[in-house]
Amino acid sequence: MSDSIRPKYWGTISWDGYDGRHDGEFTILRYKLDYLMEDLDYYLNQYSNRNPYVSCASVEDEKGESQDITDSAKKFLQSINKEENNGK
């Protein structure tokens, strides 16, 4: 399947700095929703010392139209983190 007709899943992780000098963000693109969620979780853990958060997530269809899935992504990530913490 060509990249131009596959849905694209975007996610951005952000962190706030102090004194406005150390803030930043990291955006990823994946072609499956499962991969996006898996990688958002990975990078939230990878950058945990920066107090990261999911600032936005979206899906873009083959026509280039986007739909915001930020709230759904945040809820999903919270649920898997609760499951991981309950298992410890």
Protein backbone atom coordinates (compact mmCIF):
# COMPACT_ATOMS: atom_id res chain seq x y z
CA MET A 1 0.00 0.00 0.00
CA SER A 2 1.36 3.40 -0.94
CA ASP A 3 2.11 5.91 1.83
CA SER A 4 -0.20 8.41 0.16
CA ILE A 5 -3.30 6.19 0.66
CA ARG A 6 -2.50 4.82 4.12
CA PRO A 7 -3.84 6.55 7.20
CA LYS A 8 -1.16 8.41 9.11
CA TYR A 9 -1.13 8.59 12.88
CA TRP A 10 0.67 11.54 14.44
CA GLY A 11 1.59 12.06 18.07
CA THR A 12 3.47 14.83 19.86
CA ILE A 13 5.04 14.58 23.27
CA SER A 14 5.90 17.89 24.93
CA TRP A 15 7.62 19.02 28.08
CA ASP A 16 7.68 22.38 29.78
CA GLY A 17 10.97 23.87 30.81
CA TYR A 18 11.92 26.28 33.47
CA ASP A 19 12.61 29.92 32.67
CA GLY A 20 11.22 29.21 29.19
CA ARG A 21 14.53 27.79 28.03
CA HIS A 22 14.24 24.05 28.34
CA ASP A 23 10.86 23.29 26.86
CA GLY A 24 10.52 21.05 23.85
CA GLU A 25 8.54 18.53 21.90
CA PHE A 26 8.96 15.34 19.94
CA THR A 27 6.60 14.36 17.11
CA ILE A 28 6.27 10.88 15.68
CA LEU A 29 4.50 9.46 12.64
CA ARG A 30 3.25 5.88 12.47
CA TYR A 31 1.06 4.00 10.01
CA LYS A 32 -0.85 1.97 12.59
CA LEU A 33 -2.66 3.20 15.67
CA ASP A 34 -1.21 0.39 17.80
CA TYR A 35 2.30 1.46 16.86
CA LEU A 36 1.56 5.08 17.71
CA MET A 37 0.25 4.16 21.16
CA GLU A 38 3.16 1.83 21.80
CA ASP A 39 5.71 4.46 20.80
CA LEU A 40 4.03 7.30 22.68
CA ASP A 41 4.21 5.15 25.79
CA TYR A 42 7.87 4.35 25.07
CA TYR A 43 8.86 8.01 24.60
CA LEU A 44 6.89 9.17 27.65
CA ASN A 45 9.03 6.75 29.64
CA GLN A 46 12.20 7.65 27.73
CA TYR A 47 11.81 11.36 28.54
CA SER A 48 10.31 10.83 32.01
CA ASN A 49 12.93 13.07 33.64
CA ARG A 50 11.41 16.00 31.67
CA ASN A 51 7.82 15.42 32.91
CA PRO A 52 6.50 14.83 29.38
CA TYR A 53 2.87 14.74 28.32
CA VAL A 54 0.96 13.98 25.13
CA SER A 55 0.16 17.40 23.72
CA CYS A 56 -1.63 16.19 20.61
CA ALA A 57 -2.44 13.13 18.54
CA SER A 58 -4.31 12.83 15.26
CA VAL A 59 -5.13 10.56 12.38
CA GLU A 60 -4.89 11.78 8.80
CA ASP A 61 -6.83 9.96 6.08
CA GLU A 62 -5.90 9.46 2.45
CA LYS A 63 -7.55 12.78 1.54
CA GLY A 64 -5.37 14.65 4.00
CA GLU A 65 -8.22 15.31 6.42
CA SER A 66 -7.28 15.07 10.07
CA GLN A 67 -9.19 14.02 13.15
CA ASP A 68 -8.04 14.87 16.66
CA ILE A 69 -7.54 11.75 18.81
CA THR A 70 -5.62 13.42 21.64
CA ASP A 71 -8.15 12.69 24.40
CA SER A 72 -8.50 9.05 23.32
CA ALA A 73 -4.73 8.61 23.22
CA LYS A 74 -4.32 10.10 26.70
CA LYS A 75 -7.06 7.87 28.14
CA PHE A 76 -5.57 4.78 26.53
CA LEU A 77 -2.06 5.55 27.79
CA GLN A 78 -3.39 6.20 31.31
CA SER A 79 -5.20 2.85 31.27
CA ILE A 80 -2.15 0.84 30.20
CA ASN A 81 0.02 2.59 32.76
CA LYS A 82 -2.50 1.74 35.49
CA GLU A 83 -2.43 -1.90 34.37
CA GLU A 84 1.38 -1.93 34.42
CA ASN A 85 1.47 -0.38 37.91
CA ASN A 86 -1.15 -2.81 39.26
CA GLY A 87 0.97 -5.73 38.09
CA LYS A 88 4.00 -4.59 40.12
